[in-house]
Amino acid sequence: HGRFKNWSKEQMRTGEVPEMPKTWPTPLLELRLKTEAILDVRV
C-alpha cells in the first residue's frame, strides 16, 4: 500500500495524471491480491 501511494504521488508529480490515481497498476495489484489471498488462508 505504501508502494502504491508513492507510485500515485510520482504519477501526479511528473504530470502523467492531473490527480493521484486510485487504480492500482496491474503488476502491483496482482502482487497485492496474491498477498491478501495467502494472508486470508493463514488467518
All heavy atoms as atom14 arrays in JSON, in Angstrom:
{
  "sequence": "HGRFKNWSKEQMRTGEVPEMPKTWPTPLLELRLKTEAILDVRV",
  "atom14_mask": [
    [1, 1, 1, 1, 1, 1, 1, 1, 1, 1, 0, 0, 0, 0],
    [1, 1, 1, 1, 0, 0, 0, 0, 0, 0, 0, 0, 0, 0],
    [1, 1, 1, 1, 1, 1, 1, 1, 1, 1, 1, 0, 0, 0],
    [1, 1, 1, 1, 1, 1, 1, 1, 1, 1, 1, 0, 0, 0],
    [1, 1, 1, 1, 1, 1, 1, 1, 1, 0, 0, 0, 0, 0],
    [1, 1, 1, 1, 1, 1, 1, 1, 0, 0, 0, 0, 0, 0],
    [1, 1, 1, 1, 1, 1, 1, 1, 1, 1, 1, 1, 1, 1],
    [1, 1, 1, 1, 1, 1, 0, 0, 0, 0, 0, 0, 0, 0],
    [1, 1, 1, 1, 1, 1, 1, 1, 1, 0, 0, 0, 0, 0],
    [1, 1, 1, 1, 1, 1, 1, 1, 1, 0, 0, 0, 0, 0],
    [1, 1, 1, 1, 1, 1, 1, 1, 1, 0, 0, 0, 0, 0],
    [1, 1, 1, 1, 1, 1, 1, 1, 0, 0, 0, 0, 0, 0],
    [1, 1, 1, 1, 1, 1, 1, 1, 1, 1, 1, 0, 0, 0],
    [1, 1, 1, 1, 1, 1, 1, 0, 0, 0, 0, 0, 0, 0],
    [1, 1, 1, 1, 0, 0, 0, 0, 0, 0, 0, 0, 0, 0],
    [1, 1, 1, 1, 1, 1, 1, 1, 1, 0, 0, 0, 0, 0],
    [1, 1, 1, 1, 1, 1, 1, 0, 0, 0, 0, 0, 0, 0],
    [1, 1, 1, 1, 1, 1, 1, 0, 0, 0, 0, 0, 0, 0],
    [1, 1, 1, 1, 1, 1, 1, 1, 1, 0, 0, 0, 0, 0],
    [1, 1, 1, 1, 1, 1, 1, 1, 0, 0, 0, 0, 0, 0],
    [1, 1, 1, 1, 1, 1, 1, 0, 0, 0, 0, 0, 0, 0],
    [1, 1, 1, 1, 1, 1, 1, 1, 1, 0, 0, 0, 0, 0],
    [1, 1, 1, 1, 1, 1, 1, 0, 0, 0, 0, 0, 0, 0],
    [1, 1, 1, 1, 1, 1, 1, 1, 1, 1, 1, 1, 1, 1],
    [1, 1, 1, 1, 1, 1, 1, 0, 0, 0, 0, 0, 0, 0],
    [1, 1, 1, 1, 1, 1, 1, 0, 0, 0, 0, 0, 0, 0],
    [1, 1, 1, 1, 1, 1, 1, 0, 0, 0, 0, 0, 0, 0],
    [1, 1, 1, 1, 1, 1, 1, 1, 0, 0, 0, 0, 0, 0],
    [1, 1, 1, 1, 1, 1, 1, 1, 0, 0, 0, 0, 0, 0],
    [1, 1, 1, 1, 1, 1, 1, 1, 1, 0, 0, 0, 0, 0],
    [1, 1, 1, 1, 1, 1, 1, 1, 0, 0, 0, 0, 0, 0],
    [1, 1, 1, 1, 1, 1, 1, 1, 1, 1, 1, 0, 0, 0],
    [1, 1, 1, 1, 1, 1, 1, 1, 0, 0, 0, 0, 0, 0],
    [1, 1, 1, 1, 1, 1, 1, 1, 1, 0, 0, 0, 0, 0],
    [1, 1, 1, 1, 1, 1, 1, 0, 0, 0, 0, 0, 0, 0],
    [1, 1, 1, 1, 1, 1, 1, 1, 1, 0, 0, 0, 0, 0],
    [1, 1, 1, 1, 1, 0, 0, 0, 0, 0, 0, 0, 0, 0],
    [1, 1, 1, 1, 1, 1, 1, 1, 0, 0, 0, 0, 0, 0],
    [1, 1, 1, 1, 1, 1, 1, 1, 0, 0, 0, 0, 0, 0],
    [1, 1, 1, 1, 1, 1, 1, 1, 0, 0, 0, 0, 0, 0],
    [1, 1, 1, 1, 1, 1, 1, 0, 0, 0, 0, 0, 0, 0],
    [1, 1, 1, 1, 1, 1, 1, 1, 1, 1, 1, 0, 0, 0],
    [1, 1, 1, 1, 1, 1, 1, 0, 0, 0, 0, 0, 0, 0]
  ],
  "atom14_positions": [
    [[0.84, -1.2, 0.0], [0.0, 0.0, 0.0], [0.88, 1.25, 0.0], [0.54, 2.26, -0.64], [-0.94, 0.0, 1.22], [-2.17, -0.84, 1.03], [-3.29, -0.37, 0.41], [-2.43, -2.13, 1.38], [-4.21, -1.32, 0.38], [-3.71, -2.4, 0.97], [0.0, 0.0, 0.0], [0.0, 0.0, 0.0], [0.0, 0.0, 0.0], [0.0, 0.0, 0.0]],
    [[2.0, 1.17, 0.69], [2.94, 2.29, 0.69], [3.54, 2.51, -0.68], [3.7, 3.66, -1.13], [0.0, 0.0, 0.0], [0.0, 0.0, 0.0], [0.0, 0.0, 0.0], [0.0, 0.0, 0.0], [0.0, 0.0, 0.0], [0.0, 0.0, 0.0], [0.0, 0.0, 0.0], [0.0, 0.0, 0.0], [0.0, 0.0, 0.0], [0.0, 0.0, 0.0]],
    [[3.86, 1.4, -1.35], [4.42, 1.5, -2.7], [3.41, 2.1, -3.67], [3.75, 2.92, -4.55], [4.85, 0.11, -3.18], [6.1, -0.42, -2.51], [6.37, -1.86, -2.87], [6.54, -2.03, -4.34], [6.75, -3.21, -4.93], [6.82, -4.31, -4.17], [6.88, -3.3, -6.23], [0.0, 0.0, 0.0], [0.0, 0.0, 0.0], [0.0, 0.0, 0.0]],
    [[2.15, 1.73, -3.52], [1.12, 2.28, -4.4], [0.94, 3.78, -4.15], [0.8, 4.57, -5.1], [-0.21, 1.57, -4.17], [-1.38, 2.24, -4.85], [-1.47, 2.26, -6.24], [-2.37, 2.87, -4.12], [-2.54, 2.88, -6.87], [-3.44, 3.51, -4.75], [-3.52, 3.51, -6.13], [0.0, 0.0, 0.0], [0.0, 0.0, 0.0], [0.0, 0.0, 0.0]],
    [[0.99, 4.16, -2.89], [0.84, 5.58, -2.55], [1.99, 6.4, -3.15], [1.77, 7.47, -3.72], [0.81, 5.75, -1.03], [0.52, 7.17, -0.58], [0.4, 7.23, 0.94], [0.07, 8.64, 1.39], [-0.06, 8.73, 2.88], [0.0, 0.0, 0.0], [0.0, 0.0, 0.0], [0.0, 0.0, 0.0], [0.0, 0.0, 0.0], [0.0, 0.0, 0.0]],
    [[3.21, 5.87, -3.03], [4.36, 6.57, -3.61], [4.27, 6.63, -5.14], [4.62, 7.64, -5.76], [5.66, 5.87, -3.19], [5.93, 6.01, -1.72], [5.47, 6.97, -1.08], [6.69, 5.08, -1.16], [0.0, 0.0, 0.0], [0.0, 0.0, 0.0], [0.0, 0.0, 0.0], [0.0, 0.0, 0.0], [0.0, 0.0, 0.0], [0.0, 0.0, 0.0]],
    [[3.81, 5.53, -5.75], [3.65, 5.5, -7.2], [2.62, 6.53, -7.65], [2.81, 7.23, -8.66], [3.23, 4.09, -7.62], [2.89, 3.96, -9.08], [3.76, 3.75, -10.11], [1.58, 4.05, -9.66], [3.08, 3.7, -11.3], [1.74, 3.88, -11.07], [0.3, 4.26, -9.15], [0.65, 3.91, -11.94], [-0.77, 4.29, -10.02], [-0.6, 4.12, -11.41]],
    [[1.51, 6.63, -6.89], [0.46, 7.59, -7.23], [0.98, 9.03, -7.17], [0.71, 9.86, -8.06], [-0.73, 7.43, -6.28], [-1.32, 6.16, -6.42], [0.0, 0.0, 0.0], [0.0, 0.0, 0.0], [0.0, 0.0, 0.0], [0.0, 0.0, 0.0], [0.0, 0.0, 0.0], [0.0, 0.0, 0.0], [0.0, 0.0, 0.0], [0.0, 0.0, 0.0]],
    [[1.75, 9.32, -6.14], [2.31, 10.67, -6.0], [3.26, 10.97, -7.16], [3.27, 12.08, -7.7], [3.07, 10.78, -4.67], [2.18, 10.83, -3.45], [3.02, 10.97, -2.18], [2.15, 11.04, -0.94], [2.96, 11.16, 0.3], [0.0, 0.0, 0.0], [0.0, 0.0, 0.0], [0.0, 0.0, 0.0], [0.0, 0.0, 0.0], [0.0, 0.0, 0.0]],
    [[4.06, 9.96, -7.53], [5.02, 10.16, -8.61], [4.3, 10.38, -9.94], [4.74, 11.2, -10.77], [5.94, 8.93, -8.71], [7.04, 9.06, -9.74], [8.05, 10.14, -9.4], [8.06, 10.63, -8.24], [8.83, 10.51, -10.31], [0.0, 0.0, 0.0], [0.0, 0.0, 0.0], [0.0, 0.0, 0.0], [0.0, 0.0, 0.0], [0.0, 0.0, 0.0]],
    [[3.2, 9.66, -10.15], [2.43, 9.85, -11.38], [1.91, 11.27, -11.5], [1.95, 11.88, -12.58], [1.25, 8.86, -11.4], [1.64, 7.42, -11.59], [2.17, 7.15, -12.99], [1.46, 7.32, -13.99], [3.43, 6.73, -13.08], [0.0, 0.0, 0.0], [0.0, 0.0, 0.0], [0.0, 0.0, 0.0], [0.0, 0.0, 0.0], [0.0, 0.0, 0.0]],
    [[1.43, 11.82, -10.41], [0.91, 13.18, -10.42], [2.05, 14.19, -10.5], [1.97, 15.2, -11.23], [0.05, 13.44, -9.18], [-0.65, 14.81, -9.2], [-1.73, 15.06, -7.78], [-0.56, 15.1, -6.43], [0.0, 0.0, 0.0], [0.0, 0.0, 0.0], [0.0, 0.0, 0.0], [0.0, 0.0, 0.0], [0.0, 0.0, 0.0], [0.0, 0.0, 0.0]],
    [[3.14, 13.94, -9.78], [4.27, 14.88, -9.74], [4.92, 15.05, -11.1], [5.37, 16.14, -11.47], [5.3, 14.39, -8.72], [6.42, 15.41, -8.42], [7.47, 14.81, -7.53], [8.23, 13.78, -8.21], [9.23, 14.02, -9.06], [9.58, 15.27, -9.35], [9.87, 13.02, -9.63], [0.0, 0.0, 0.0], [0.0, 0.0, 0.0], [0.0, 0.0, 0.0]],
    [[4.95, 13.95, -11.87], [5.6, 14.01, -13.18], [4.64, 14.42, -14.3], [5.0, 14.4, -15.48], [6.21, 12.64, -13.52], [5.18, 11.64, -13.5], [7.31, 12.27, -12.56], [0.0, 0.0, 0.0], [0.0, 0.0, 0.0], [0.0, 0.0, 0.0], [0.0, 0.0, 0.0], [0.0, 0.0, 0.0], [0.0, 0.0, 0.0], [0.0, 0.0, 0.0]],
    [[3.4, 14.75, -13.91], [2.43, 15.23, -14.89], [1.8, 14.15, -15.74], [1.21, 14.45, -16.78], [0.0, 0.0, 0.0], [0.0, 0.0, 0.0], [0.0, 0.0, 0.0], [0.0, 0.0, 0.0], [0.0, 0.0, 0.0], [0.0, 0.0, 0.0], [0.0, 0.0, 0.0], [0.0, 0.0, 0.0], [0.0, 0.0, 0.0], [0.0, 0.0, 0.0]],
    [[1.91, 12.9, -15.31], [1.28, 11.82, -16.06], [-0.24, 11.86, -15.92], [-0.98, 11.44, -16.82], [1.82, 10.46, -15.58], [3.3, 10.26, -15.8], [3.64, 10.21, -17.28], [2.8, 9.74, -18.07], [4.76, 10.65, -17.65], [0.0, 0.0, 0.0], [0.0, 0.0, 0.0], [0.0, 0.0, 0.0], [0.0, 0.0, 0.0], [0.0, 0.0, 0.0]],
    [[-0.7, 12.33, -14.74], [-2.14, 12.41, -14.48], [-2.41, 13.72, -13.75], [-1.53, 14.28, -13.09], [-2.61, 11.22, -13.61], [-2.55, 9.91, -14.39], [-1.78, 11.12, -12.34], [0.0, 0.0, 0.0], [0.0, 0.0, 0.0], [0.0, 0.0, 0.0], [0.0, 0.0, 0.0], [0.0, 0.0, 0.0], [0.0, 0.0, 0.0], [0.0, 0.0, 0.0]],
    [[-3.67, 14.25, -13.84], [-3.98, 15.51, -13.2], [-4.17, 15.39, -11.69], [-4.1, 16.38, -10.96], [-5.28, 15.95, -13.88], [-5.92, 14.67, -14.29], [-4.78, 13.77, -14.69], [0.0, 0.0, 0.0], [0.0, 0.0, 0.0], [0.0, 0.0, 0.0], [0.0, 0.0, 0.0], [0.0, 0.0, 0.0], [0.0, 0.0, 0.0], [0.0, 0.0, 0.0]],
    [[-4.42, 14.19, -11.21], [-4.59, 13.96, -9.77], [-4.12, 12.55, -9.44], [-3.94, 11.72, -10.34], [-6.06, 14.13, -9.37], [-7.01, 13.18, -10.09], [-8.45, 13.4, -9.72], [-8.78, 14.46, -9.16], [-9.27, 12.49, -10.01], [0.0, 0.0, 0.0], [0.0, 0.0, 0.0], [0.0, 0.0, 0.0], [0.0, 0.0, 0.0], [0.0, 0.0, 0.0]],
    [[-3.91, 12.3, -8.14], [-3.38, 10.99, -7.73], [-4.34, 9.88, -8.14], [-5.52, 9.89, -7.78], [-3.15, 10.95, -6.21], [-1.98, 11.8, -5.75], [-1.75, 11.77, -3.95], [-1.48, 10.02, -3.69], [0.0, 0.0, 0.0], [0.0, 0.0, 0.0], [0.0, 0.0, 0.0], [0.0, 0.0, 0.0], [0.0, 0.0, 0.0], [0.0, 0.0, 0.0]],
    [[-3.88, 8.88, -8.91], [-4.75, 7.78, -9.35], [-5.15, 6.86, -8.19], [-4.41, 6.69, -7.23], [-3.88, 7.04, -10.37], [-2.48, 7.35, -9.97], [-2.52, 8.76, -9.44], [0.0, 0.0, 0.0], [0.0, 0.0, 0.0], [0.0, 0.0, 0.0], [0.0, 0.0, 0.0], [0.0, 0.0, 0.0], [0.0, 0.0, 0.0], [0.0, 0.0, 0.0]],
    [[-6.35, 6.32, -8.31], [-6.85, 5.38, -7.3], [-6.81, 3.94, -7.8], [-7.01, 3.01, -7.02], [-8.27, 5.76, -6.92], [-8.38, 7.13, -6.26], [-9.82, 7.44, -5.87], [-9.92, 8.81, -5.2], [-11.32, 9.16, -4.83], [0.0, 0.0, 0.0], [0.0, 0.0, 0.0], [0.0, 0.0, 0.0], [0.0, 0.0, 0.0], [0.0, 0.0, 0.0]],
    [[-6.56, 3.77, -9.07], [-6.48, 2.42, -9.64], [-5.05, 1.91, -9.6], [-4.13, 2.58, -10.05], [-6.97, 2.42, -11.09], [-8.32, 2.91, -11.13], [-6.92, 1.02, -11.68], [0.0, 0.0, 0.0], [0.0, 0.0, 0.0], [0.0, 0.0, 0.0], [0.0, 0.0, 0.0], [0.0, 0.0, 0.0], [0.0, 0.0, 0.0], [0.0, 0.0, 0.0]],
    [[-4.88, 0.71, -9.07], [-3.55, 0.12, -8.94], [-3.03, -0.34, -10.3], [-3.8, -0.89, -11.1], [-3.6, -1.07, -8.0], [-3.77, -0.72, -6.54], [-4.75, 0.04, -5.99], [-2.92, -1.14, -5.47], [-4.59, 0.13, -4.63], [-3.47, -0.59, -4.28], [-1.77, -1.91, -5.38], [-2.91, -0.8, -3.02], [-1.2, -2.13, -4.13], [-1.76, -1.56, -2.97]],
    [[-1.73, -0.17, -10.54], [-1.15, -0.73, -11.76], [-1.18, -2.26, -11.67], [-1.05, -2.84, -10.59], [0.28, -0.19, -11.75], [0.57, 0.1, -10.32], [-0.74, 0.55, -9.73], [0.0, 0.0, 0.0], [0.0, 0.0, 0.0], [0.0, 0.0, 0.0], [0.0, 0.0, 0.0], [0.0, 0.0, 0.0], [0.0, 0.0, 0.0], [0.0, 0.0, 0.0]],
    [[-1.36, -2.92, -12.82], [-1.58, -4.38, -12.84], [-0.53, -5.19, -12.08], [-0.88, -6.05, -11.25], [-1.67, -4.87, -14.3], [-2.77, -4.22, -14.95], [-1.87, -6.37, -14.35], [0.0, 0.0, 0.0], [0.0, 0.0, 0.0], [0.0, 0.0, 0.0], [0.0, 0.0, 0.0], [0.0, 0.0, 0.0], [0.0, 0.0, 0.0], [0.0, 0.0, 0.0]],
    [[0.77, -4.99, -12.28], [1.77, -5.82, -11.56], [1.64, -5.67, -10.04], [1.72, -6.67, -9.3], [3.11, -5.28, -12.06], [2.79, -4.67, -13.39], [1.43, -4.07, -13.23], [0.0, 0.0, 0.0], [0.0, 0.0, 0.0], [0.0, 0.0, 0.0], [0.0, 0.0, 0.0], [0.0, 0.0, 0.0], [0.0, 0.0, 0.0], [0.0, 0.0, 0.0]],
    [[1.45, -4.43, -9.59], [1.34, -4.19, -8.15], [0.03, -4.74, -7.61], [-0.02, -5.29, -6.5], [1.46, -2.69, -7.87], [1.89, -2.28, -6.46], [3.24, -2.89, -6.12], [1.94, -0.76, -6.35], [0.0, 0.0, 0.0], [0.0, 0.0, 0.0], [0.0, 0.0, 0.0], [0.0, 0.0, 0.0], [0.0, 0.0, 0.0], [0.0, 0.0, 0.0]],
    [[-1.04, -4.61, -8.39], [-2.35, -5.12, -7.97], [-2.31, -6.63, -7.82], [-2.82, -7.19, -6.85], [-3.41, -4.72, -8.99], [-4.82, -5.31, -8.75], [-5.37, -4.84, -7.42], [-5.75, -4.95, -9.9], [0.0, 0.0, 0.0], [0.0, 0.0, 0.0], [0.0, 0.0, 0.0], [0.0, 0.0, 0.0], [0.0, 0.0, 0.0], [0.0, 0.0, 0.0]],
    [[-1.71, -7.31, -8.79], [-1.64, -8.77, -8.72], [-0.84, -9.24, -7.51], [-1.2, -10.21, -6.85], [-1.04, -9.32, -10.02], [-1.95, -9.16, -11.23], [-1.37, -9.8, -12.46], [-0.18, -10.21, -12.43], [-2.11, -9.91, -13.48], [0.0, 0.0, 0.0], [0.0, 0.0, 0.0], [0.0, 0.0, 0.0], [0.0, 0.0, 0.0], [0.0, 0.0, 0.0]],
    [[0.23, -8.53, -7.23], [1.05, -8.87, -6.06], [0.25, -8.67, -4.77], [0.32, -9.48, -3.85], [2.31, -8.01, -6.05], [3.37, -8.35, -5.0], [3.8, -9.81, -5.13], [4.57, -7.42, -5.15], [0.0, 0.0, 0.0], [0.0, 0.0, 0.0], [0.0, 0.0, 0.0], [0.0, 0.0, 0.0], [0.0, 0.0, 0.0], [0.0, 0.0, 0.0]],
    [[-0.55, -7.58, -4.72], [-1.39, -7.32, -3.55], [-2.45, -8.4, -3.38], [-2.68, -8.91, -2.28], [-2.06, -5.97, -3.69], [-2.78, -5.5, -2.43], [-3.78, -4.4, -2.72], [-5.04, -4.96, -3.2], [-6.0, -4.25, -3.79], [-5.82, -2.94, -4.03], [-7.12, -4.83, -4.17], [0.0, 0.0, 0.0], [0.0, 0.0, 0.0], [0.0, 0.0, 0.0]],
    [[-3.09, -8.77, -4.48], [-4.16, -9.78, -4.42], [-3.63, -11.14, -3.95], [-4.26, -11.83, -3.16], [-4.81, -9.92, -5.8], [-5.65, -8.72, -6.26], [-6.06, -8.89, -7.73], [-6.89, -8.54, -5.38], [0.0, 0.0, 0.0], [0.0, 0.0, 0.0], [0.0, 0.0, 0.0], [0.0, 0.0, 0.0], [0.0, 0.0, 0.0], [0.0, 0.0, 0.0]],
    [[-2.44, -11.52, -4.45], [-1.84, -12.79, -4.02], [-1.5, -12.75, -2.54], [-1.7, -13.73, -1.81], [-0.58, -13.07, -4.85], [-0.87, -13.39, -6.3], [0.43, -13.59, -7.09], [0.15, -13.89, -8.56], [1.4, -14.05, -9.35], [0.0, 0.0, 0.0], [0.0, 0.0, 0.0], [0.0, 0.0, 0.0], [0.0, 0.0, 0.0], [0.0, 0.0, 0.0]],
    [[-0.96, -11.61, -2.09], [-0.61, -11.46, -0.67], [-1.86, -11.52, 0.2], [-1.86, -12.17, 1.25], [0.13, -10.13, -0.45], [1.29, -10.08, -1.28], [0.56, -9.99, 1.01], [0.0, 0.0, 0.0], [0.0, 0.0, 0.0], [0.0, 0.0, 0.0], [0.0, 0.0, 0.0], [0.0, 0.0, 0.0], [0.0, 0.0, 0.0], [0.0, 0.0, 0.0]],
    [[-2.91, -10.87, -0.23], [-4.17, -10.88, 0.53], [-4.74, -12.29, 0.6], [-5.24, -12.71, 1.66], [-5.18, -9.95, -0.14], [-4.87, -8.48, 0.02], [-5.81, -7.59, -0.76], [-6.37, -8.06, -1.78], [-5.97, -6.41, -0.38], [0.0, 0.0, 0.0], [0.0, 0.0, 0.0], [0.0, 0.0, 0.0], [0.0, 0.0, 0.0], [0.0, 0.0, 0.0]],
    [[-4.67, -13.01, -0.51], [-5.22, -14.37, -0.53], [-4.49, -15.29, 0.44], [-5.1, -16.02, 1.22], [-5.13, -14.92, -1.96], [0.0, 0.0, 0.0], [0.0, 0.0, 0.0], [0.0, 0.0, 0.0], [0.0, 0.0, 0.0], [0.0, 0.0, 0.0], [0.0, 0.0, 0.0], [0.0, 0.0, 0.0], [0.0, 0.0, 0.0], [0.0, 0.0, 0.0]],
    [[-3.17, -15.24, 0.39], [-2.38, -16.1, 1.28], [-2.58, -15.69, 2.74], [-2.7, -16.55, 3.62], [-0.89, -16.04, 0.89], [-0.7, -16.59, -0.52], [-0.04, -16.85, 1.89], [0.71, -16.44, -1.06], [0.0, 0.0, 0.0], [0.0, 0.0, 0.0], [0.0, 0.0, 0.0], [0.0, 0.0, 0.0], [0.0, 0.0, 0.0], [0.0, 0.0, 0.0]],
    [[-2.65, -14.4, 2.99], [-2.91, -13.92, 4.35], [-4.25, -14.43, 4.85], [-4.36, -14.9, 5.99], [-2.89, -12.39, 4.38], [-3.39, -11.72, 5.68], [-2.53, -12.16, 6.86], [-3.39, -10.21, 5.53], [0.0, 0.0, 0.0], [0.0, 0.0, 0.0], [0.0, 0.0, 0.0], [0.0, 0.0, 0.0], [0.0, 0.0, 0.0], [0.0, 0.0, 0.0]],
    [[-5.27, -14.38, 4.01], [-6.61, -14.83, 4.41], [-6.62, -16.33, 4.74], [-7.29, -16.76, 5.68], [-7.62, -14.52, 3.31], [-7.86, -13.02, 3.16], [-7.43, -12.27, 4.06], [-8.47, -12.62, 2.16], [0.0, 0.0, 0.0], [0.0, 0.0, 0.0], [0.0, 0.0, 0.0], [0.0, 0.0, 0.0], [0.0, 0.0, 0.0], [0.0, 0.0, 0.0]],
    [[-5.87, -17.12, 3.98], [-5.79, -18.56, 4.25], [-5.03, -18.81, 5.56], [-5.42, -19.67, 6.36], [-5.13, -19.31, 3.08], [-4.89, -20.78, 3.45], [-6.01, -19.22, 1.84], [0.0, 0.0, 0.0], [0.0, 0.0, 0.0], [0.0, 0.0, 0.0], [0.0, 0.0, 0.0], [0.0, 0.0, 0.0], [0.0, 0.0, 0.0], [0.0, 0.0, 0.0]],
    [[-3.96, -18.05, 5.79], [-3.2, -18.21, 7.03], [-4.08, -17.86, 8.25], [-4.03, -18.53, 9.28], [-1.97, -17.3, 7.03], [-0.93, -17.58, 5.96], [-0.19, -18.91, 6.17], [-0.85, -20.01, 5.5], [-0.63, -20.37, 4.25], [0.24, -19.72, 3.5], [-1.25, -21.41, 3.74], [0.0, 0.0, 0.0], [0.0, 0.0, 0.0], [0.0, 0.0, 0.0]],
    [[-4.91, -16.82, 8.12], [-5.83, -16.44, 9.21], [-6.84, -17.55, 9.44], [-7.18, -17.89, 10.57], [-6.56, -15.12, 8.87], [-7.69, -14.86, 9.86], [-5.57, -13.95, 8.9], [0.0, 0.0, 0.0], [0.0, 0.0, 0.0], [0.0, 0.0, 0.0], [0.0, 0.0, 0.0], [0.0, 0.0, 0.0], [0.0, 0.0, 0.0], [0.0, 0.0, 0.0]]
  ]
}
